[in-house]
Amino acid sequence: MKINDLKSRLKELGMSQAGDKGTLECRIAKGEESARLGLQAPDGNPVHQMKLAKLKPHAAKVGISPIGTLDEIMFAYIDHLKKKSGSLTDIAAGSRVGLPRSSGVNKVDLAGLSDKVLQLAEKDDFVGILNLGGANVTTSSSVAVLRKAYLKLSLTLHPDKNKNNPNATSVFQALVNAYERISQPDLVEEVPAKKGKKKAAAISRSNEGCKRTRVQCPRCKNPWSESKVEGNPDYFYNFLMMGIKTFNCATCLLEFGCMTAIHKCPFCKGSFEYHPSDFHRKITCGRENCHKKFGFYMFHCSDRVMKNLKEEVGALREKQAMLTEQKRRRAKSFQRRCMVKDDENAETAFLMGLANECPRCGISLADLDDKDEIDHLRNCNDEEKIMANKRKKEAIEDKKNKKKKRQDLQEDVTAKAAWDLLGASNENIWMLTDGALQKECAEHGIDAKGKENHEMISSLVLSKKSQALTKYKTQKGSGKVTADTLPSNLHAMTEKQLRAVAASHGIKVGKFSRKIDIIELLQSAQEGSKPLMITNGGAKLEKSRTSKSQVIEIESGSESEYEPDDDW
């Protein structure tokens, strides 16, 4: 069908007519399905004809994220209503590849799904591959939606789950490639300099259709780095949007990063959800009346600046790892002291003047005399006020939890961006936070439930070494322990952090090993990877005649006595 015919059909269905041909076809398929099944929202309106503003509240009530485009939220809501009425999403996914209808995935379904993945991979239909799991993604879908579709399929098509298929590895590689090709576009190679001219540092991709989007402080809402007074070079925009660094607001001094900042669409000026994985993509803001695609401008950055940035980021990650560990220990200590909230103690504290508000209705001490406090607590039975105070406390707690969640997400993103900048080698994987490690394990099909961070690292290192996936064929890192791969603050680290460092280098640590034992183990491995003795030419000749090399004794003015290893 031509685009005009598709738009005519969408007009008949009462749906939006914006988008490319593939988007229109997906929208028609969902709209016709919704009309055929007679799916309606609780207010009686047909789901496929609802606008974004009216659809969001209904989607949020059933646990669907209200963040995304109209198509993403509508399609998810339609799938929810189908599942509720007995039409499972898995049936739709099975029928799409010509498989028998069943609520689970049997051997026949798995074989058919694998064949379909390979067929679509030959046609470079990457969107079609991700949609085999029942999702409805497009090239402009957010990375969060793409990743959700990818993870759903990876749980089924992972080689460990698809053992009976001889092409299991190729199928999984095709799935990984499809996800990467949509979420991470190909970067432009650097053009070599002409003869006789100095090689110039060029940006790694084209900026066609890209904008420098407005970034605002989440507290004072003032624009960030749009004034020359702040003194930020243009390429700081790259570092912020890639999640590599966080910055302070020049007005209120709040520290924020790309995950906690407010991002504005360059066309409709509305806010939108952003993730560093979107930096090299062209996306839409997801608002109902704005369908224009835009990318994010990448400013020129010299090699020297990048070199200094890597050194700075490495030092910051070491410092941040120490701060994160301190926060974790303090939180764990506080949790031990305050296992259960005692309402009786809260009332006693109120009577003794140790609490500023009544634990029931929330009235302030400033509104009461000392003699009235006991009488108030005895007669504080107004259910309406008590429920209002309870809702107020829940709202405050919910706001606090959301803020903490955003901060944790920012730390995860910053750690992942720093790791990628430093080469994404196994030896530096200890830099990742627990949240970032869990995401890496999920993408590699590793069960991280109940595992400590050093156990997740060990599983990831083994997985990267054993699986010959396209993404990790050129994985950096030799596995040797050197001064460059070890953190500079090794002796200041805790036992948990040292176990993570050892696991990153593939070193097994005993269950009951102490901090000093792990440090000695790492130092022994470091010393074993470099020459320690001074030998002369005669010693080299002697080495060929005997199994052990001759050690030259060196007189020293120090009081320490050196005893050579038997292995030398």
Protein backbone atom coordinates (compact mmCIF):
# COMPACT_ATOMS: atom_id res chain seq x y z
CA MET A 1 0.00 0.00 0.00
CA LYS A 2 1.08 3.54 -0.68
CA ILE A 3 1.53 6.06 2.12
CA ASN A 4 -1.59 7.98 1.04
CA ASP A 5 -3.66 4.77 1.27
CA LEU A 6 -2.21 4.05 4.72
CA LYS A 7 -3.09 7.53 5.93
CA SER A 8 -6.61 7.19 4.57
CA ARG A 9 -7.05 3.96 6.53
CA LEU A 10 -5.71 5.61 9.70
CA LYS A 11 -8.17 8.48 9.20
CA GLU A 12 -11.01 5.97 9.06
CA LEU A 13 -9.78 4.39 12.29
CA GLY A 14 -9.47 7.81 13.95
CA MET A 15 -5.73 7.45 14.58
CA SER A 16 -2.69 9.69 14.08
CA GLN A 17 -1.35 9.83 10.50
CA ALA A 18 2.22 10.98 11.32
CA GLY A 19 5.29 8.82 10.79
CA ASP A 20 7.08 6.76 8.16
CA LYS A 21 5.61 3.84 6.24
CA GLY A 22 6.69 1.17 8.73
CA THR A 23 5.22 3.11 11.65
CA LEU A 24 1.92 3.61 9.81
CA GLU A 25 1.64 -0.11 9.02
CA CYS A 26 2.26 -1.08 12.67
CA ARG A 27 -0.29 1.51 13.81
CA ILE A 28 -2.92 0.21 11.39
CA ALA A 29 -2.35 -3.38 12.51
CA LYS A 30 -2.81 -2.45 16.17
CA GLY A 31 -5.76 -0.18 15.45
CA GLU A 32 -7.61 -2.84 13.46
CA GLU A 33 -6.90 -5.40 16.17
CA SER A 34 -8.22 -3.04 18.86
CA ALA A 35 -11.34 -2.26 16.81
CA ARG A 36 -11.96 -5.96 16.07
CA LEU A 37 -11.70 -6.94 19.75
CA GLY A 38 -13.67 -3.86 20.86
CA LEU A 39 -11.03 -2.81 23.40
CA GLN A 40 -12.09 0.18 25.47
CA ALA A 41 -10.69 2.23 28.33
CA PRO A 42 -12.59 2.39 31.65
CA ASP A 43 -14.23 5.64 30.50
CA GLY A 44 -15.72 3.83 27.47
CA ASN A 45 -13.51 5.38 24.75
CA PRO A 46 -11.93 3.07 22.11
CA VAL A 47 -8.27 2.62 22.99
CA HIS A 48 -6.93 3.14 19.46
CA GLN A 49 -8.67 6.54 19.18
CA MET A 50 -7.43 7.98 22.49
CA LYS A 51 -5.05 10.94 22.70
CA LEU A 52 -1.80 10.77 24.65
CA ALA A 53 -2.96 12.99 27.54
CA LYS A 54 -6.06 10.83 28.18
CA LEU A 55 -4.27 7.54 27.64
CA LYS A 56 -1.43 8.13 30.11
CA PRO A 57 -3.53 7.97 33.35
CA HIS A 58 -5.19 4.70 32.29
CA ALA A 59 -1.82 3.19 31.36
CA ALA A 60 -0.22 4.23 34.65
CA LYS A 61 -3.05 2.63 36.66
CA VAL A 62 -2.30 -0.81 35.18
CA GLY A 63 1.47 -0.52 35.68
CA ILE A 64 2.48 0.69 32.20
CA SER A 65 5.07 3.46 32.11
CA PRO A 66 3.46 6.73 30.93
CA ILE A 67 6.84 7.81 29.52
CA GLY A 68 7.10 7.31 25.77
CA THR A 69 5.40 8.07 22.48
CA LEU A 70 1.68 7.66 21.84
CA ASP A 71 2.30 4.47 19.85
CA GLU A 72 4.45 2.88 22.56
CA ILE A 73 1.96 3.53 25.36
CA MET A 74 -1.08 2.64 23.22
CA PHE A 75 0.42 -0.62 21.95
CA ALA A 76 1.42 -1.65 25.49
CA TYR A 77 -2.08 -0.82 26.78
CA ILE A 78 -3.70 -2.83 23.97
CA ASP A 79 -1.47 -5.80 24.80
CA HIS A 80 -2.46 -5.48 28.46
CA LEU A 81 -6.18 -5.49 27.64
CA LYS A 82 -5.69 -8.48 25.32
CA LYS A 83 -3.88 -10.39 28.05
CA LYS A 84 -6.58 -9.50 30.53
CA SER A 85 -9.24 -10.85 28.19
CA GLY A 86 -7.32 -14.08 27.58
CA SER A 87 -5.41 -13.18 24.40
CA LEU A 88 -1.81 -13.52 25.45
CA THR A 89 0.94 -11.52 23.79
CA ASP A 90 2.90 -14.74 23.31
CA ILE A 91 0.14 -16.02 21.00
CA ALA A 92 0.47 -12.95 18.81
CA ALA A 93 4.21 -13.37 18.73
CA GLY A 94 3.83 -17.05 17.81
CA SER A 95 1.32 -16.37 15.06
CA ARG A 96 3.62 -13.75 13.61
CA VAL A 97 6.28 -16.38 12.85
CA GLY A 98 3.79 -19.07 11.89
CA LEU A 99 4.13 -21.07 15.09
CA PRO A 100 1.51 -23.12 16.93
CA ARG A 101 -0.54 -21.07 19.37
CA SER A 102 0.52 -21.78 22.92
CA SER A 103 1.01 -19.88 26.13
CA GLY A 104 4.57 -21.16 26.51
CA VAL A 105 7.51 -21.57 24.15
CA ASN A 106 8.04 -25.22 23.25
CA LYS A 107 10.74 -26.77 21.10
CA VAL A 108 8.79 -26.26 17.86
CA ASP A 109 8.13 -22.59 18.67
CA LEU A 110 11.77 -22.01 19.55
CA ALA A 111 12.97 -23.55 16.29
CA GLY A 112 10.53 -21.49 14.24
CA LEU A 113 11.44 -18.31 16.10
CA SER A 114 15.15 -18.97 15.52
CA ASP A 115 14.60 -19.52 11.80
CA LYS A 116 12.58 -16.31 11.55
CA VAL A 117 15.38 -14.34 13.25
CA LEU A 118 17.92 -15.62 10.72
CA GLN A 119 15.60 -14.87 7.79
CA LEU A 120 15.05 -11.28 8.94
CA ALA A 121 18.78 -10.87 9.64
CA GLU A 122 19.54 -11.68 5.98
CA LYS A 123 17.19 -8.85 4.95
CA ASP A 124 18.68 -6.47 7.56
CA ASP A 125 15.19 -6.09 9.05
CA PHE A 126 16.42 -5.20 12.53
CA VAL A 127 13.11 -3.70 13.66
CA GLY A 128 11.31 -6.88 12.58
CA ILE A 129 13.65 -9.01 14.71
CA LEU A 130 12.97 -7.01 17.88
CA ASN A 131 9.24 -7.09 17.18
CA LEU A 132 9.16 -10.92 17.16
CA GLY A 133 8.67 -10.91 20.92
CA GLY A 134 5.37 -9.06 20.69
CA ALA A 135 6.80 -5.54 20.99
CA ASN A 136 6.04 -2.74 18.56
CA VAL A 137 9.26 -0.75 18.33
CA THR A 138 10.32 1.67 15.61
CA THR A 139 13.65 3.21 14.67
CA SER A 140 12.79 6.27 16.74
CA SER A 141 11.76 4.33 19.88
CA SER A 142 13.65 5.18 23.05
CA VAL A 143 16.54 2.97 24.13
CA ALA A 144 14.56 1.84 27.18
CA VAL A 145 11.82 0.41 24.93
CA LEU A 146 14.35 -1.18 22.56
CA ARG A 147 16.22 -2.75 25.44
CA LYS A 148 13.02 -4.17 26.92
CA ALA A 149 12.18 -5.84 23.59
CA TYR A 150 15.74 -7.16 23.30
CA LEU A 151 15.84 -8.61 26.82
CA LYS A 152 12.50 -10.36 26.33
CA LEU A 153 13.87 -12.23 23.29
CA SER A 154 17.32 -12.82 24.78
CA LEU A 155 15.81 -14.82 27.65
CA THR A 156 14.49 -17.28 25.06
CA LEU A 157 17.17 -17.21 22.35
CA HIS A 158 20.27 -17.28 24.54
CA PRO A 159 22.55 -20.23 23.56
CA ASP A 160 22.18 -21.72 27.05
CA LYS A 161 18.37 -21.86 26.59
CA ASN A 162 18.46 -22.79 22.88
CA LYS A 163 20.85 -25.74 23.20
CA ASN A 164 19.06 -28.03 20.74
CA ASN A 165 19.48 -25.57 17.86
CA PRO A 166 22.82 -25.94 15.99
CA ASN A 167 22.59 -22.28 14.93
CA ALA A 168 21.90 -20.98 18.44
CA THR A 169 25.02 -18.80 18.51
CA SER A 170 24.26 -17.26 15.10
CA VAL A 171 20.67 -16.57 16.15
CA PHE A 172 21.77 -14.80 19.32
CA GLN A 173 24.42 -12.84 17.41
CA ALA A 174 21.72 -11.68 14.97
CA LEU A 175 19.57 -10.54 17.90
CA VAL A 176 22.45 -8.64 19.52
CA ASN A 177 23.36 -7.08 16.17
CA ALA A 178 19.76 -5.96 15.59
CA TYR A 179 19.62 -4.25 18.97
CA GLU A 180 22.97 -2.53 18.44
CA ARG A 181 22.20 -1.36 14.90
CA ILE A 182 19.02 0.41 16.05
CA SER A 183 20.18 1.71 19.43
CA GLN A 184 23.74 2.61 18.36
CA PRO A 185 24.08 3.94 14.79
CA ASP A 186 27.30 3.45 12.87
CA LEU A 187 29.85 6.17 13.54
CA VAL A 188 31.73 7.87 10.73
CA GLU A 189 35.36 6.90 10.43
CA GLU A 190 37.99 9.60 10.80
CA VAL A 191 39.18 10.97 7.46
CA PRO A 192 42.99 10.81 7.05
CA ALA A 193 44.82 14.09 6.56
CA LYS A 194 46.19 15.11 3.19
CA LYS A 195 49.87 14.77 2.44
CA GLY A 196 51.98 17.57 3.88
CA LYS A 197 49.31 18.63 6.37
CA LYS A 198 49.01 17.93 10.08
CA LYS A 199 46.42 15.30 10.90
CA ALA A 200 43.38 17.06 12.35
CA ALA A 201 41.18 15.58 15.06
CA ALA A 202 37.73 15.09 13.54
CA ILE A 203 34.41 14.31 15.18
CA SER A 204 33.41 10.67 15.01
CA ARG A 205 30.04 11.14 13.31
CA SER A 206 28.01 13.52 11.21
CA ASN A 207 26.03 16.34 12.86
CA GLU A 208 23.39 16.50 10.14
CA GLY A 209 19.97 17.06 11.68
CA CYS A 210 21.49 17.49 15.15
CA LYS A 211 20.78 20.26 17.67
CA ARG A 212 22.37 21.47 20.87
CA THR A 213 19.37 20.75 23.05
CA ARG A 214 18.62 22.87 26.08
CA VAL A 215 19.58 21.34 29.44
CA GLN A 216 18.13 22.79 32.65
CA CYS A 217 19.01 22.42 36.31
CA PRO A 218 16.44 20.15 38.03
CA ARG A 219 16.26 22.46 41.08
CA CYS A 220 16.23 26.08 39.84
CA LYS A 221 15.22 25.28 36.21
CA ASN A 222 17.90 27.64 34.82
CA PRO A 223 19.60 26.67 31.52
CA TRP A 224 23.01 25.04 31.83
CA SER A 225 26.13 26.30 30.05
CA GLU A 226 24.36 28.64 27.63
CA SER A 227 26.28 31.68 28.85
CA LYS A 228 29.96 32.36 28.24
CA VAL A 229 30.17 33.59 31.83
CA GLU A 230 30.14 29.99 33.07
CA GLY A 231 33.37 29.34 31.18
CA ASN A 232 32.44 25.87 29.92
CA PRO A 233 33.86 24.88 26.52
CA ASP A 234 31.40 23.56 23.95
CA TYR A 235 32.60 19.95 24.22
CA PHE A 236 31.42 19.81 27.86
CA TYR A 237 27.99 19.27 26.30
CA ASN A 238 29.34 15.97 24.87
CA PHE A 239 30.60 14.84 28.27
CA LEU A 240 27.29 15.64 29.99
CA MET A 241 25.06 14.01 27.36
CA MET A 242 27.25 10.90 27.17
CA GLY A 243 26.99 10.51 30.95
CA ILE A 244 30.75 10.75 31.46
CA LYS A 245 30.71 13.68 33.89
CA THR A 246 28.36 15.59 36.17
CA PHE A 247 28.39 19.38 36.53
CA ASN A 248 27.32 22.03 39.03
CA CYS A 249 24.63 24.60 38.33
CA ALA A 250 26.09 28.12 38.20
CA THR A 251 23.01 29.50 39.97
CA CYS A 252 22.14 27.10 42.82
CA LEU A 253 25.36 24.96 42.77
CA LEU A 254 23.38 21.70 42.56
CA GLU A 255 25.39 18.83 41.04
CA PHE A 256 23.49 16.98 38.31
CA GLY A 257 24.06 14.79 35.28
CA CYS A 258 22.20 13.82 32.14
CA MET A 259 19.82 11.49 34.00
CA THR A 260 18.76 14.03 36.62
CA ALA A 261 18.73 17.14 34.38
CA ILE A 262 15.69 18.48 32.51
CA HIS A 263 15.97 18.09 28.72
CA LYS A 264 13.96 20.28 26.32
CA CYS A 265 12.87 19.42 22.79
CA PRO A 266 14.40 21.90 20.28
CA PHE A 267 11.08 22.16 18.39
CA CYS A 268 8.13 22.12 20.82
CA LYS A 269 10.23 23.19 23.87
CA GLY A 270 8.63 20.43 25.96
CA SER A 271 10.60 18.16 28.27
CA PHE A 272 11.46 14.57 27.28
CA GLU A 273 13.13 11.53 28.80
CA TYR A 274 16.79 11.14 27.83
CA HIS A 275 19.38 8.35 28.10
CA PRO A 276 23.07 8.50 27.07
CA SER A 277 22.41 5.71 24.56
CA ASP A 278 20.32 8.25 22.60
CA PHE A 279 23.29 10.60 22.07
CA HIS A 280 24.28 9.03 18.72
CA ARG A 281 20.67 8.52 17.57
CA LYS A 282 17.88 10.64 16.11
CA ILE A 283 14.75 10.51 18.24
CA THR A 284 11.39 12.20 18.76
CA CYS A 285 10.43 13.85 22.05
CA GLY A 286 7.31 11.68 22.32
CA ARG A 287 4.81 14.51 22.78
CA GLU A 288 1.46 14.18 21.01
CA ASN A 289 1.78 17.24 18.76
CA CYS A 290 5.51 16.97 18.00
CA HIS A 291 6.78 14.28 15.64
CA LYS A 292 9.99 15.89 14.37
CA LYS A 293 13.17 13.86 14.69
CA PHE A 294 16.36 15.40 15.99
CA GLY A 295 19.84 14.32 17.01
CA PHE A 296 22.31 15.67 19.56
CA TYR A 297 25.16 17.86 18.36
CA MET A 298 28.66 16.47 18.95
CA PHE A 299 31.25 19.23 19.36
CA HIS A 300 34.88 18.93 18.32
CA CYS A 301 37.21 17.64 21.02
CA SER A 302 40.99 17.30 20.59
CA ASP A 303 42.99 14.17 21.40
CA ARG A 304 44.77 15.93 24.24
CA VAL A 305 41.48 16.84 25.90
CA MET A 306 40.31 13.23 25.61
CA LYS A 307 43.57 11.97 27.11
CA ASN A 308 43.23 14.33 30.08
CA LEU A 309 39.57 13.36 30.41
CA LYS A 310 40.43 9.66 30.69
CA GLU A 311 42.95 10.35 33.45
CA GLU A 312 40.45 12.55 35.27
CA VAL A 313 37.61 10.06 34.90
CA GLY A 314 39.78 7.20 36.18
CA ALA A 315 40.68 9.15 39.32
CA LEU A 316 37.06 10.24 39.83
CA ARG A 317 35.79 6.67 39.59
CA GLU A 318 38.26 5.53 42.25
CA LYS A 319 37.11 8.36 44.53
CA GLN A 320 33.44 7.77 43.77
CA ALA A 321 33.78 4.05 44.47
CA MET A 322 35.06 4.89 47.96
CA LEU A 323 32.19 7.34 48.58
CA THR A 324 29.60 4.83 47.35
CA GLU A 325 30.99 2.16 49.66
CA GLN A 326 30.88 4.56 52.61
CA LYS A 327 27.24 5.41 51.85
CA ARG A 328 26.37 1.72 51.58
CA ARG A 329 27.93 0.91 54.94
CA ARG A 330 26.20 3.86 56.64
CA ALA A 331 22.85 2.84 55.13
CA LYS A 332 23.36 -0.74 56.26
CA SER A 333 24.24 0.40 59.79
CA PHE A 334 21.17 2.66 59.92
CA GLN A 335 18.98 -0.20 58.72
CA ARG A 336 20.25 -2.42 61.54
CA ARG A 337 19.46 0.26 64.12
CA CYS A 338 16.01 1.07 62.71
CA MET A 339 14.62 -2.27 61.59
CA VAL A 340 11.00 -1.41 62.47
CA LYS A 341 9.23 1.92 62.88
CA ASP A 342 7.76 2.07 66.39
CA ASP A 343 4.63 4.27 66.56
CA GLU A 344 4.64 4.06 70.37
CA ASN A 345 8.15 5.54 70.53
CA ALA A 346 7.07 8.27 68.09
CA GLU A 347 4.22 9.25 70.42
CA THR A 348 6.56 9.23 73.46
CA ALA A 349 9.03 11.42 71.57
CA PHE A 350 6.18 13.84 70.80
CA LEU A 351 5.21 14.08 74.49
CA MET A 352 8.85 14.66 75.50
CA GLY A 353 9.25 17.44 72.95
CA LEU A 354 11.68 15.42 70.82
CA ALA A 355 9.37 15.43 67.79
CA ASN A 356 8.05 18.54 66.08
CA GLU A 357 4.78 17.04 64.84
CA CYS A 358 2.04 14.82 66.17
CA PRO A 359 2.62 11.30 64.75
CA ARG A 360 -1.13 10.93 64.08
CA CYS A 361 -2.54 14.13 62.60
CA GLY A 362 0.71 16.02 61.94
CA ILE A 363 -0.13 19.14 64.02
CA SER A 364 2.94 21.20 64.95
CA LEU A 365 4.20 21.73 68.53
CA ALA A 366 4.16 25.46 67.87
CA ASP A 367 0.36 25.34 67.85
CA LEU A 368 0.14 23.68 71.31
CA ASP A 369 1.05 24.52 74.89
CA ASP A 370 3.04 22.04 76.98
CA LYS A 371 0.00 21.01 79.02
CA ASP A 372 -2.10 20.47 75.91
CA GLU A 373 0.21 17.92 74.30
CA ILE A 374 -1.00 14.94 76.37
CA ASP A 375 -4.65 15.94 75.98
CA HIS A 376 -4.20 16.33 72.25
CA LEU A 377 -2.63 12.89 71.89
CA ARG A 378 -5.43 11.27 73.93
CA ASN A 379 -8.16 12.92 71.85
CA CYS A 380 -6.44 12.79 68.46
CA ASN A 381 -8.99 10.53 66.74
CA ASP A 382 -10.06 12.62 63.75
CA GLU A 383 -9.91 10.01 60.97
CA GLU A 384 -9.94 12.62 58.21
CA LYS A 385 -6.92 14.49 59.60
CA ILE A 386 -5.10 11.25 60.38
CA MET A 387 -5.60 9.94 56.82
CA ALA A 388 -4.59 13.32 55.37
CA ASN A 389 -1.38 13.25 57.43
CA LYS A 390 -0.75 9.66 56.35
CA ARG A 391 -1.14 10.58 52.68
CA LYS A 392 1.17 13.55 53.20
CA LYS A 393 3.86 11.32 54.72
CA GLU A 394 3.48 8.78 51.91
CA ALA A 395 3.81 11.56 49.31
CA ILE A 396 6.99 12.83 50.98
CA GLU A 397 8.41 9.31 51.18
CA ASP A 398 7.50 8.62 47.56
CA LYS A 399 9.19 11.84 46.44
CA LYS A 400 12.27 10.93 48.43
CA ASN A 401 12.39 7.43 46.91
CA LYS A 402 12.02 8.80 43.38
CA LYS A 403 14.83 11.26 43.96
CA LYS A 404 17.08 8.49 45.31
CA LYS A 405 16.19 6.27 42.36
CA ARG A 406 17.18 9.02 39.90
CA GLN A 407 20.44 9.59 41.76
CA ASP A 408 21.24 5.86 41.75
CA LEU A 409 20.45 5.72 38.05
CA GLN A 410 22.77 8.68 37.45
CA GLU A 411 25.58 6.88 39.31
CA ASP A 412 24.98 3.72 37.28
CA VAL A 413 25.06 5.64 33.99
CA THR A 414 28.18 7.63 34.94
CA ALA A 415 30.02 4.46 35.97
CA LYS A 416 29.06 2.70 32.73
CA ALA A 417 30.08 5.72 30.61
CA ALA A 418 33.44 5.96 32.39
CA TRP A 419 34.07 2.25 31.90
CA ASP A 420 33.27 2.52 28.19
CA LEU A 421 35.52 5.59 27.83
CA LEU A 422 38.45 3.73 29.41
CA GLY A 423 38.09 0.84 26.96
CA ALA A 424 35.42 -1.38 28.60
CA SER A 425 38.13 -3.89 29.55
CA ASN A 426 37.63 -6.70 32.03
CA GLU A 427 40.35 -5.28 34.31
CA ASN A 428 38.32 -2.07 34.87
CA ILE A 429 34.91 -3.69 35.32
CA TRP A 430 35.22 -3.18 39.09
CA MET A 431 34.38 0.49 38.42
CA LEU A 432 30.77 -0.41 37.66
CA THR A 433 28.15 0.06 40.35
CA ASP A 434 25.87 -2.78 41.45
CA GLY A 435 23.04 -1.43 39.27
CA ALA A 436 25.28 -1.21 36.20
CA LEU A 437 26.59 -4.73 36.84
CA GLN A 438 23.05 -6.10 37.07
CA LYS A 439 22.19 -4.52 33.69
CA GLU A 440 25.35 -5.98 32.12
CA CYS A 441 24.46 -9.42 33.51
CA ALA A 442 20.92 -9.13 32.12
CA GLU A 443 22.25 -8.25 28.65
CA HIS A 444 24.57 -11.29 28.76
CA GLY A 445 21.86 -13.66 29.96
CA ILE A 446 23.45 -14.09 33.41
CA ASP A 447 21.28 -14.55 36.48
CA ALA A 448 22.44 -11.90 38.99
CA LYS A 449 19.77 -12.56 41.61
CA GLY A 450 21.26 -12.84 45.11
CA LYS A 451 24.86 -12.40 43.88
CA GLU A 452 27.46 -10.08 45.36
CA ASN A 453 29.20 -7.63 43.01
CA HIS A 454 32.42 -9.70 42.83
CA GLU A 455 30.36 -12.77 41.92
CA MET A 456 28.61 -10.84 39.13
CA ILE A 457 32.01 -9.63 37.89
CA SER A 458 33.40 -13.18 37.84
CA SER A 459 30.41 -14.38 35.82
CA LEU A 460 30.75 -11.47 33.36
CA VAL A 461 34.49 -12.04 32.88
CA LEU A 462 33.93 -15.74 32.20
CA SER A 463 31.05 -14.98 29.85
CA LYS A 464 33.09 -12.49 27.84
CA LYS A 465 35.95 -14.94 27.49
CA SER A 466 33.82 -17.94 26.56
CA GLN A 467 31.17 -16.47 24.25
CA ALA A 468 32.44 -15.53 20.79
CA LEU A 469 29.89 -12.77 20.23
CA THR A 470 30.39 -10.06 17.68
CA LYS A 471 30.37 -7.36 20.31
CA TYR A 472 33.24 -8.86 22.23
CA LYS A 473 35.51 -10.31 19.59
CA THR A 474 37.91 -7.41 20.04
CA GLN A 475 37.50 -7.16 23.80
CA LYS A 476 40.39 -5.25 25.29
CA GLY A 477 42.34 -6.47 28.28
CA SER A 478 45.06 -9.08 28.57
CA GLY A 479 44.11 -10.31 32.04
CA LYS A 480 47.57 -9.43 33.43
CA VAL A 481 47.87 -7.53 36.67
CA THR A 482 49.88 -4.35 36.13
CA ALA A 483 50.24 -0.99 37.83
CA ASP A 484 47.97 0.52 35.15
CA THR A 485 45.13 -1.96 35.70
CA LEU A 486 45.19 -1.75 39.51
CA PRO A 487 43.55 1.23 41.27
CA SER A 488 45.96 3.72 42.82
CA ASN A 489 44.14 3.66 46.19
CA LEU A 490 44.39 -0.11 46.59
CA HIS A 491 45.26 -0.02 50.32
CA ALA A 492 42.36 2.34 51.09
CA MET A 493 39.77 -0.01 49.58
CA THR A 494 37.48 -2.24 51.61
CA GLU A 495 37.52 -6.02 51.46
CA LYS A 496 34.40 -6.02 49.24
CA GLN A 497 36.01 -3.64 46.74
CA LEU A 498 39.25 -5.64 46.70
CA ARG A 499 37.31 -8.80 45.91
CA ALA A 500 35.77 -6.97 42.95
CA VAL A 501 39.22 -5.88 41.71
CA ALA A 502 40.52 -9.45 42.02
CA ALA A 503 37.50 -10.83 40.17
CA SER A 504 38.06 -8.29 37.36
CA HIS A 505 41.54 -9.76 36.83
CA GLY A 506 40.27 -13.34 36.96
CA ILE A 507 41.90 -14.05 40.35
CA LYS A 508 40.08 -16.39 42.70
CA VAL A 509 39.91 -15.27 46.32
CA GLY A 510 39.16 -17.57 49.22
CA LYS A 511 35.89 -17.18 51.10
CA PHE A 512 37.64 -16.38 54.38
CA SER A 513 40.44 -14.25 52.94
CA ARG A 514 41.10 -10.98 54.74
CA LYS A 515 41.82 -7.58 53.24
CA ILE A 516 45.59 -7.94 53.65
CA ASP A 517 45.45 -11.40 52.05
CA ILE A 518 43.71 -10.06 48.93
CA ILE A 519 46.20 -7.17 48.62
CA GLU A 520 49.13 -9.59 48.85
CA LEU A 521 47.47 -11.81 46.25
CA LEU A 522 47.10 -8.89 43.82
CA GLN A 523 50.65 -7.70 44.43
CA SER A 524 52.00 -11.21 43.90
CA ALA A 525 50.15 -11.42 40.60
CA GLN A 526 51.53 -8.02 39.62
CA GLU A 527 55.09 -9.03 40.47
CA GLY A 528 54.69 -12.27 38.57
CA SER A 529 53.89 -10.40 35.35
CA LYS A 530 57.12 -8.35 35.21
CA PRO A 531 60.87 -9.12 35.57
CA LEU A 532 62.23 -8.44 39.04
CA MET A 533 65.85 -9.69 38.88
CA ILE A 534 68.96 -8.15 37.29
CA THR A 535 70.98 -10.65 35.28
CA ASN A 536 74.06 -10.43 33.06
CA GLY A 537 74.82 -12.11 29.79
CA GLY A 538 76.47 -15.08 31.53
CA ALA A 539 73.28 -15.69 33.44
CA LYS A 540 71.31 -15.90 30.18
CA LEU A 541 73.72 -18.53 28.84
CA GLU A 542 73.51 -20.43 32.09
CA LYS A 543 69.68 -20.39 31.84
CA SER A 544 69.84 -22.48 28.67
CA ARG A 545 72.02 -25.09 30.42
CA THR A 546 70.11 -25.34 33.66
CA SER A 547 66.45 -25.26 34.58
CA LYS A 548 66.86 -22.23 36.86
CA SER A 549 68.47 -18.90 36.13
CA GLN A 550 71.41 -17.67 38.18
CA VAL A 551 70.52 -14.79 40.52
CA ILE A 552 73.02 -11.97 40.87
CA GLU A 553 73.23 -10.81 44.48
CA ILE A 554 73.23 -7.04 44.90
CA GLU A 555 74.65 -5.44 48.04
CA SER A 556 72.33 -2.93 49.61
CA GLY A 557 72.77 -0.35 52.34
CA SER A 558 69.27 -1.01 53.69
CA GLU A 559 68.52 -3.37 56.54
CA SER A 560 66.04 -5.44 54.53
CA GLU A 561 67.15 -8.90 53.42
CA TYR A 562 66.08 -10.05 49.99
CA GLU A 563 65.33 -13.72 49.50
CA PRO A 564 64.88 -14.70 45.84
CA ASP A 565 61.99 -16.89 44.77
CA ASP A 566 62.79 -20.51 43.95
CA ASP A 567 61.07 -20.08 40.58
CA TRP A 568 63.82 -17.68 39.37
